[in-house]
Amino acid sequence: MRKMIAEAYDETVAEALAQGQPQTVAHREGVTAAAMFLSSMTGLEDAAARTSVESLRLEAA
């Protein structure tokens, strides 16, 4: 599951950076996308999913 969350994050970050977004914005968008993915896969509430994703300490490349 961690790998799929990281992939959702990485894909979103790459798209945001390709659109010229700053790294901080790309990171926020990546966390949001990964949290939405986790929520949809597990049924976690949005806030809990976001907390779980943030605890993984993913970073924009």
Protein backbone atom coordinates (compact mmCIF):
# COMPACT_ATOMS: atom_id res chain seq x y z
CA MET A 1 0.00 0.00 0.00
CA ARG A 2 2.86 2.40 0.79
CA LYS A 3 4.20 1.97 -2.73
CA MET A 4 0.83 2.87 -4.29
CA ILE A 5 0.52 5.92 -2.03
CA ALA A 6 4.04 7.02 -2.99
CA GLU A 7 3.22 6.54 -6.69
CA ALA A 8 0.08 8.70 -6.38
CA TYR A 9 2.19 11.34 -4.65
CA ASP A 10 5.04 11.18 -7.17
CA GLU A 11 2.75 11.36 -10.20
CA THR A 12 0.93 14.39 -8.86
CA VAL A 13 4.15 16.15 -7.89
CA ALA A 14 5.62 15.51 -11.34
CA GLU A 15 2.51 16.92 -13.02
CA ALA A 16 2.51 20.02 -10.82
CA LEU A 17 6.21 20.67 -11.40
CA ALA A 18 5.74 20.19 -15.16
CA GLN A 19 3.07 22.91 -14.99
CA GLY A 20 5.58 25.25 -13.40
CA GLN A 21 4.29 25.06 -9.83
CA PRO A 22 6.78 25.72 -7.04
CA GLN A 23 8.05 22.66 -5.16
CA THR A 24 6.05 23.56 -2.04
CA VAL A 25 2.80 23.70 -4.01
CA ALA A 26 3.65 20.46 -5.82
CA HIS A 27 4.29 18.78 -2.47
CA ARG A 28 0.93 19.95 -1.06
CA GLU A 29 -0.86 18.72 -4.16
CA GLY A 30 0.98 15.40 -3.92
CA VAL A 31 -0.01 14.91 -0.29
CA THR A 32 -3.62 15.75 -1.11
CA ALA A 33 -3.72 13.30 -4.02
CA ALA A 34 -2.09 10.55 -1.96
CA ALA A 35 -4.51 11.16 0.91
CA MET A 36 -7.48 11.01 -1.45
CA PHE A 37 -6.15 7.74 -2.85
CA LEU A 38 -5.66 6.28 0.63
CA SER A 39 -9.11 7.41 1.71
CA SER A 40 -10.75 5.84 -1.31
CA MET A 41 -8.89 2.56 -0.84
CA THR A 42 -9.40 2.19 2.91
CA GLY A 43 -12.45 4.26 3.81
CA LEU A 44 -10.43 6.47 6.17
CA GLU A 45 -11.80 9.93 6.82
CA ASP A 46 -9.98 12.66 4.90
CA ALA A 47 -8.15 14.06 7.93
CA ALA A 48 -6.97 10.62 9.06
CA ALA A 49 -5.81 9.77 5.54
CA ARG A 50 -3.87 13.04 5.31
CA THR A 51 -2.22 12.39 8.68
CA SER A 52 -1.25 8.89 7.53
CA VAL A 53 0.26 10.22 4.31
CA GLU A 54 2.13 12.99 6.12
CA SER A 55 3.61 10.41 8.50
CA LEU A 56 5.27 8.75 5.49
CA ARG A 57 7.38 11.91 5.03
CA LEU A 58 7.22 11.85 1.25
CA GLU A 59 9.30 14.53 -0.46
CA ALA A 60 9.06 16.23 -3.82
CA ALA A 61 12.07 15.33 -5.94
